[in-house]
N, C-alpha and C. Protein backbone atom coordinates (compact mmCIF):
# COMPACT_ATOMS: atom_id res chain seq x y z
N MET A 1 30.33 37.94 -8.79
CA MET A 1 30.42 36.52 -8.53
C MET A 1 30.36 35.78 -9.86
N THR A 2 31.31 34.89 -10.07
CA THR A 2 31.39 34.15 -11.32
C THR A 2 31.12 32.67 -11.06
N ILE A 3 30.35 32.09 -11.93
CA ILE A 3 30.07 30.65 -11.83
C ILE A 3 30.96 29.94 -12.82
N GLU A 4 31.67 28.96 -12.33
CA GLU A 4 32.54 28.18 -13.19
C GLU A 4 31.68 27.36 -14.15
N PRO A 5 31.93 27.42 -15.45
CA PRO A 5 31.14 26.65 -16.41
C PRO A 5 31.20 25.15 -16.12
N ASN A 6 32.36 24.70 -15.67
CA ASN A 6 32.54 23.28 -15.38
C ASN A 6 31.63 22.84 -14.23
N SER A 7 31.52 23.64 -13.18
CA SER A 7 30.68 23.26 -12.04
C SER A 7 29.20 23.31 -12.43
N PHE A 8 28.84 24.24 -13.30
CA PHE A 8 27.46 24.31 -13.78
C PHE A 8 27.11 23.05 -14.57
N GLU A 9 28.02 22.62 -15.45
CA GLU A 9 27.81 21.41 -16.24
C GLU A 9 27.69 20.19 -15.35
N LYS A 10 28.53 20.10 -14.33
CA LYS A 10 28.48 18.96 -13.41
C LYS A 10 27.15 18.94 -12.64
N ALA A 11 26.71 20.11 -12.21
CA ALA A 11 25.43 20.19 -11.50
C ALA A 11 24.28 19.78 -12.41
N LEU A 12 24.34 20.20 -13.66
CA LEU A 12 23.31 19.84 -14.62
C LEU A 12 23.33 18.34 -14.89
N GLU A 13 24.52 17.77 -15.01
CA GLU A 13 24.65 16.32 -15.21
C GLU A 13 24.04 15.56 -14.04
N ARG A 14 24.31 16.03 -12.82
CA ARG A 14 23.74 15.37 -11.63
C ARG A 14 22.22 15.44 -11.65
N LEU A 15 21.69 16.58 -12.03
CA LEU A 15 20.23 16.73 -12.11
C LEU A 15 19.63 15.76 -13.12
N VAL A 16 20.27 15.65 -14.28
CA VAL A 16 19.79 14.74 -15.31
C VAL A 16 19.88 13.29 -14.82
N GLU A 17 20.98 12.92 -14.19
CA GLU A 17 21.14 11.57 -13.66
C GLU A 17 20.08 11.27 -12.61
N ASP A 18 19.84 12.22 -11.71
CA ASP A 18 18.81 12.03 -10.68
C ASP A 18 17.43 11.86 -11.31
N ALA A 19 17.15 12.66 -12.31
CA ALA A 19 15.85 12.58 -13.00
C ALA A 19 15.70 11.22 -13.68
N GLU A 20 16.76 10.74 -14.30
CA GLU A 20 16.71 9.43 -14.97
C GLU A 20 16.50 8.31 -13.96
N ARG A 21 17.19 8.39 -12.82
CA ARG A 21 17.00 7.38 -11.77
C ARG A 21 15.57 7.39 -11.26
N ASN A 22 15.04 8.58 -11.03
CA ASN A 22 13.66 8.69 -10.55
C ASN A 22 12.67 8.15 -11.56
N MET A 23 12.92 8.38 -12.85
CA MET A 23 12.03 7.84 -13.88
C MET A 23 12.07 6.31 -13.89
N GLU A 24 13.27 5.74 -13.70
CA GLU A 24 13.39 4.29 -13.64
C GLU A 24 12.61 3.75 -12.45
N LYS A 25 12.75 4.39 -11.30
CA LYS A 25 12.02 3.96 -10.11
C LYS A 25 10.51 4.09 -10.32
N TYR A 26 10.11 5.18 -10.95
CA TYR A 26 8.69 5.40 -11.23
C TYR A 26 8.15 4.29 -12.13
N GLN A 27 8.90 3.92 -13.16
CA GLN A 27 8.47 2.84 -14.06
C GLN A 27 8.35 1.52 -13.31
N GLU A 28 9.29 1.25 -12.40
CA GLU A 28 9.22 0.04 -11.58
C GLU A 28 7.96 0.05 -10.73
N LEU A 29 7.67 1.18 -10.13
CA LEU A 29 6.47 1.30 -9.30
C LEU A 29 5.21 1.05 -10.10
N ARG A 30 5.19 1.53 -11.33
CA ARG A 30 4.00 1.34 -12.17
C ARG A 30 3.72 -0.13 -12.41
N SER A 31 4.73 -0.98 -12.36
CA SER A 31 4.49 -2.42 -12.52
C SER A 31 4.31 -3.12 -11.17
N GLU A 32 4.94 -2.60 -10.12
CA GLU A 32 4.84 -3.24 -8.81
C GLU A 32 3.50 -2.99 -8.12
N ILE A 33 3.01 -1.77 -8.19
CA ILE A 33 1.80 -1.42 -7.44
C ILE A 33 0.59 -2.26 -7.85
N PRO A 34 0.31 -2.45 -9.14
CA PRO A 34 -0.86 -3.27 -9.48
C PRO A 34 -0.76 -4.72 -9.00
N ALA A 35 0.45 -5.20 -8.76
CA ALA A 35 0.65 -6.58 -8.31
C ALA A 35 0.50 -6.75 -6.79
N LEU A 36 0.42 -5.64 -6.06
CA LEU A 36 0.31 -5.73 -4.60
C LEU A 36 -1.00 -6.39 -4.20
N ARG A 37 -0.95 -7.14 -3.11
CA ARG A 37 -2.14 -7.78 -2.53
C ARG A 37 -1.98 -7.79 -1.03
N ALA A 38 -3.10 -7.75 -0.33
CA ALA A 38 -3.11 -7.91 1.12
C ALA A 38 -4.29 -8.81 1.46
N THR A 39 -4.07 -9.69 2.42
CA THR A 39 -5.10 -10.63 2.83
C THR A 39 -5.38 -10.46 4.31
N ALA A 40 -6.67 -10.49 4.65
CA ALA A 40 -7.08 -10.42 6.06
C ALA A 40 -8.00 -11.59 6.35
N ARG A 41 -7.89 -12.11 7.57
CA ARG A 41 -8.72 -13.24 8.01
C ARG A 41 -9.47 -12.85 9.27
N SER A 42 -10.64 -13.41 9.40
CA SER A 42 -11.39 -13.19 10.64
C SER A 42 -10.69 -13.94 11.77
N ALA A 43 -10.99 -13.58 13.00
CA ALA A 43 -10.33 -14.18 14.16
C ALA A 43 -10.52 -15.69 14.20
N ASP A 44 -11.67 -16.17 13.71
CA ASP A 44 -11.93 -17.62 13.73
C ASP A 44 -11.55 -18.30 12.42
N ASP A 45 -10.89 -17.58 11.52
CA ASP A 45 -10.44 -18.09 10.22
C ASP A 45 -11.58 -18.53 9.30
N SER A 46 -12.80 -18.11 9.59
CA SER A 46 -13.93 -18.52 8.75
C SER A 46 -14.07 -17.64 7.50
N VAL A 47 -13.48 -16.45 7.52
CA VAL A 47 -13.57 -15.52 6.39
C VAL A 47 -12.16 -15.05 6.04
N THR A 48 -11.83 -15.13 4.76
CA THR A 48 -10.55 -14.62 4.25
C THR A 48 -10.84 -13.75 3.03
N VAL A 49 -10.27 -12.55 3.03
CA VAL A 49 -10.48 -11.61 1.93
C VAL A 49 -9.12 -11.10 1.45
N THR A 50 -8.94 -11.07 0.14
CA THR A 50 -7.73 -10.51 -0.46
C THR A 50 -8.12 -9.28 -1.27
N VAL A 51 -7.31 -8.23 -1.11
CA VAL A 51 -7.62 -6.94 -1.73
C VAL A 51 -6.39 -6.44 -2.50
N ALA A 52 -6.66 -5.83 -3.65
CA ALA A 52 -5.63 -5.19 -4.47
C ALA A 52 -5.68 -3.68 -4.22
N PRO A 53 -4.72 -2.93 -4.75
CA PRO A 53 -4.76 -1.47 -4.60
C PRO A 53 -6.10 -0.90 -5.08
N GLY A 54 -6.50 0.16 -4.41
CA GLY A 54 -7.78 0.78 -4.74
C GLY A 54 -8.95 0.10 -4.07
N GLY A 55 -8.67 -0.88 -3.19
CA GLY A 55 -9.75 -1.57 -2.49
C GLY A 55 -10.46 -2.62 -3.31
N VAL A 56 -9.87 -3.03 -4.43
CA VAL A 56 -10.49 -4.03 -5.29
C VAL A 56 -10.37 -5.40 -4.63
N VAL A 57 -11.51 -6.01 -4.33
CA VAL A 57 -11.52 -7.34 -3.72
C VAL A 57 -11.21 -8.35 -4.82
N THR A 58 -10.14 -9.12 -4.63
CA THR A 58 -9.73 -10.10 -5.64
C THR A 58 -10.08 -11.53 -5.26
N ASP A 59 -10.35 -11.75 -3.96
CA ASP A 59 -10.70 -13.11 -3.54
C ASP A 59 -11.43 -13.07 -2.20
N ILE A 60 -12.43 -13.92 -2.08
CA ILE A 60 -13.13 -14.13 -0.81
C ILE A 60 -13.23 -15.63 -0.61
N HIS A 61 -12.84 -16.07 0.56
CA HIS A 61 -12.96 -17.49 0.90
C HIS A 61 -13.76 -17.59 2.19
N LEU A 62 -14.80 -18.42 2.15
CA LEU A 62 -15.64 -18.65 3.33
C LEU A 62 -15.60 -20.13 3.68
N THR A 63 -15.45 -20.44 4.95
CA THR A 63 -15.56 -21.83 5.38
C THR A 63 -17.02 -22.10 5.74
N GLU A 64 -17.34 -23.35 5.95
CA GLU A 64 -18.71 -23.71 6.37
C GLU A 64 -19.08 -22.99 7.67
N SER A 65 -18.11 -22.84 8.56
CA SER A 65 -18.41 -22.20 9.85
C SER A 65 -18.74 -20.72 9.69
N ALA A 66 -18.35 -20.10 8.58
CA ALA A 66 -18.69 -18.70 8.34
C ALA A 66 -20.20 -18.51 8.26
N LEU A 67 -20.88 -19.52 7.74
CA LEU A 67 -22.33 -19.43 7.59
C LEU A 67 -23.05 -19.44 8.93
N ARG A 68 -22.41 -19.91 9.95
CA ARG A 68 -23.01 -19.95 11.29
C ARG A 68 -23.12 -18.56 11.92
N HIS A 69 -22.46 -17.59 11.35
CA HIS A 69 -22.51 -16.22 11.87
C HIS A 69 -23.82 -15.53 11.50
N GLY A 70 -24.59 -16.13 10.61
CA GLY A 70 -25.82 -15.49 10.14
C GLY A 70 -25.48 -14.41 9.12
N THR A 71 -26.51 -13.90 8.48
CA THR A 71 -26.27 -12.92 7.42
C THR A 71 -25.64 -11.64 7.94
N ARG A 72 -26.13 -11.15 9.04
CA ARG A 72 -25.59 -9.89 9.59
C ARG A 72 -24.15 -10.08 10.07
N GLY A 73 -23.90 -11.16 10.82
CA GLY A 73 -22.55 -11.43 11.33
C GLY A 73 -21.55 -11.66 10.20
N LEU A 74 -21.98 -12.41 9.18
CA LEU A 74 -21.11 -12.67 8.03
C LEU A 74 -20.80 -11.37 7.29
N SER A 75 -21.80 -10.55 7.12
CA SER A 75 -21.60 -9.25 6.47
C SER A 75 -20.59 -8.41 7.24
N GLU A 76 -20.71 -8.37 8.56
CA GLU A 76 -19.77 -7.60 9.39
C GLU A 76 -18.35 -8.15 9.28
N LEU A 77 -18.22 -9.48 9.28
CA LEU A 77 -16.89 -10.09 9.14
C LEU A 77 -16.28 -9.74 7.79
N LEU A 78 -17.08 -9.84 6.73
CA LEU A 78 -16.58 -9.52 5.40
C LEU A 78 -16.12 -8.07 5.32
N MET A 79 -16.94 -7.15 5.80
CA MET A 79 -16.58 -5.73 5.75
C MET A 79 -15.34 -5.44 6.58
N SER A 80 -15.23 -6.06 7.73
CA SER A 80 -14.06 -5.85 8.58
C SER A 80 -12.79 -6.36 7.90
N CYS A 81 -12.88 -7.53 7.28
CA CYS A 81 -11.72 -8.08 6.57
C CYS A 81 -11.35 -7.20 5.37
N ILE A 82 -12.35 -6.71 4.65
CA ILE A 82 -12.09 -5.83 3.50
C ILE A 82 -11.39 -4.56 3.96
N ARG A 83 -11.87 -3.95 5.05
CA ARG A 83 -11.25 -2.72 5.56
C ARG A 83 -9.80 -2.97 5.98
N THR A 84 -9.57 -4.08 6.68
CA THR A 84 -8.22 -4.39 7.15
C THR A 84 -7.27 -4.64 5.98
N ALA A 85 -7.71 -5.45 5.02
CA ALA A 85 -6.86 -5.75 3.86
C ALA A 85 -6.61 -4.49 3.03
N SER A 86 -7.63 -3.64 2.89
CA SER A 86 -7.46 -2.39 2.14
C SER A 86 -6.44 -1.48 2.80
N ALA A 87 -6.51 -1.39 4.12
CA ALA A 87 -5.54 -0.57 4.86
C ALA A 87 -4.13 -1.14 4.70
N ASP A 88 -4.02 -2.47 4.74
CA ASP A 88 -2.70 -3.10 4.60
C ASP A 88 -2.10 -2.85 3.21
N VAL A 89 -2.91 -2.97 2.17
CA VAL A 89 -2.38 -2.75 0.82
C VAL A 89 -2.03 -1.27 0.63
N SER A 90 -2.77 -0.38 1.28
CA SER A 90 -2.43 1.05 1.22
C SER A 90 -1.10 1.32 1.90
N ARG A 91 -0.84 0.64 3.01
CA ARG A 91 0.46 0.79 3.69
C ARG A 91 1.60 0.30 2.79
N GLN A 92 1.37 -0.82 2.11
CA GLN A 92 2.39 -1.34 1.20
C GLN A 92 2.68 -0.33 0.08
N MET A 93 1.63 0.26 -0.47
CA MET A 93 1.82 1.25 -1.53
C MET A 93 2.59 2.45 -1.01
N ALA A 94 2.26 2.91 0.18
CA ALA A 94 2.95 4.07 0.76
C ALA A 94 4.43 3.77 0.95
N ASP A 95 4.74 2.56 1.39
CA ASP A 95 6.14 2.18 1.57
C ASP A 95 6.90 2.20 0.24
N LEU A 96 6.26 1.73 -0.82
CA LEU A 96 6.90 1.73 -2.14
C LEU A 96 7.11 3.15 -2.66
N VAL A 97 6.09 3.97 -2.53
CA VAL A 97 6.14 5.34 -3.05
C VAL A 97 7.16 6.17 -2.27
N GLN A 98 7.36 5.83 -1.01
CA GLN A 98 8.30 6.58 -0.17
C GLN A 98 9.68 6.66 -0.82
N ASP A 99 10.07 5.61 -1.54
CA ASP A 99 11.39 5.57 -2.15
C ASP A 99 11.61 6.65 -3.21
N ILE A 100 10.54 7.19 -3.79
CA ILE A 100 10.72 8.19 -4.85
C ILE A 100 10.29 9.59 -4.42
N THR A 101 9.95 9.75 -3.16
CA THR A 101 9.55 11.08 -2.69
C THR A 101 10.78 11.90 -2.30
N PRO A 102 10.65 13.20 -2.35
CA PRO A 102 11.78 14.06 -1.98
C PRO A 102 12.20 13.86 -0.52
N PRO A 103 13.47 14.10 -0.22
CA PRO A 103 13.94 13.98 1.16
C PRO A 103 13.11 14.87 2.09
N GLY A 104 12.83 14.35 3.26
CA GLY A 104 12.07 15.11 4.25
C GLY A 104 10.57 14.94 4.13
N MET A 105 10.10 14.28 3.08
CA MET A 105 8.67 14.05 2.91
C MET A 105 8.38 12.59 3.26
N ASP A 106 7.69 12.38 4.37
CA ASP A 106 7.43 11.03 4.85
C ASP A 106 6.02 10.59 4.46
N ILE A 107 5.90 10.10 3.24
CA ILE A 107 4.61 9.66 2.71
C ILE A 107 4.04 8.51 3.54
N ALA A 108 4.89 7.57 3.91
CA ALA A 108 4.43 6.41 4.67
C ALA A 108 3.77 6.83 5.97
N SER A 109 4.38 7.75 6.70
CA SER A 109 3.78 8.22 7.96
C SER A 109 2.50 9.00 7.72
N MET A 110 2.50 9.83 6.68
CA MET A 110 1.28 10.59 6.38
C MET A 110 0.13 9.64 6.05
N MET A 111 0.41 8.60 5.28
CA MET A 111 -0.62 7.64 4.90
C MET A 111 -1.10 6.87 6.13
N ARG A 112 -0.16 6.42 6.94
CA ARG A 112 -0.53 5.64 8.13
C ARG A 112 -1.41 6.43 9.09
N SER A 113 -1.22 7.73 9.15
CA SER A 113 -2.02 8.54 10.07
C SER A 113 -3.49 8.58 9.67
N HIS A 114 -3.79 8.19 8.44
CA HIS A 114 -5.18 8.18 7.96
C HIS A 114 -5.77 6.78 7.87
N LEU A 115 -4.99 5.78 8.24
CA LEU A 115 -5.47 4.40 8.16
C LEU A 115 -5.81 3.87 9.54
N PRO A 116 -6.81 2.98 9.60
CA PRO A 116 -7.15 2.40 10.90
C PRO A 116 -6.06 1.44 11.36
N ALA A 117 -5.86 1.41 12.65
CA ALA A 117 -4.92 0.44 13.23
C ALA A 117 -5.62 -0.90 13.30
N SER A 118 -4.88 -1.98 13.19
CA SER A 118 -5.48 -3.30 13.33
C SER A 118 -5.94 -3.48 14.76
N ALA A 119 -7.17 -3.89 14.91
CA ALA A 119 -7.74 -4.07 16.25
C ALA A 119 -7.45 -5.48 16.75
N ASP A 120 -7.19 -5.60 18.04
CA ASP A 120 -6.98 -6.93 18.62
C ASP A 120 -8.28 -7.71 18.53
N GLY A 121 -8.16 -8.96 18.11
CA GLY A 121 -9.33 -9.81 18.00
C GLY A 121 -10.06 -9.63 16.68
N GLY A 122 -9.68 -8.65 15.92
CA GLY A 122 -10.30 -8.41 14.62
C GLY A 122 -9.56 -9.19 13.55
N PRO A 123 -9.80 -8.82 12.31
CA PRO A 123 -9.10 -9.51 11.22
C PRO A 123 -7.60 -9.36 11.36
N ARG A 124 -6.90 -10.31 10.81
CA ARG A 124 -5.44 -10.26 10.85
C ARG A 124 -4.87 -10.53 9.48
């Protein structure tokens, strides 16, 4: 069996082009991912939390009515909003990364299977 030198060169060129495209996409992701944010609000809109990738809380907003929940209730609302926003930003990251994964590998679905679903009446 003989391999045509021309077909080998073309295959190699395609591999190099694919690698270059993937590197460009990877570089784009490196700038896009840190800019991602997700915000969750309590059902009564008294608590709003914004989270960056890695679960970093970037903003918390409390209304006067948030204080009526008491310390325990306010703590629960904050934690619930943080969990919801963290899960949302993780979903966003998975969707972005999906574009550079090999065919047949569904990163977004794998990630979603480990994240909590948004509960009715909970943060949104």
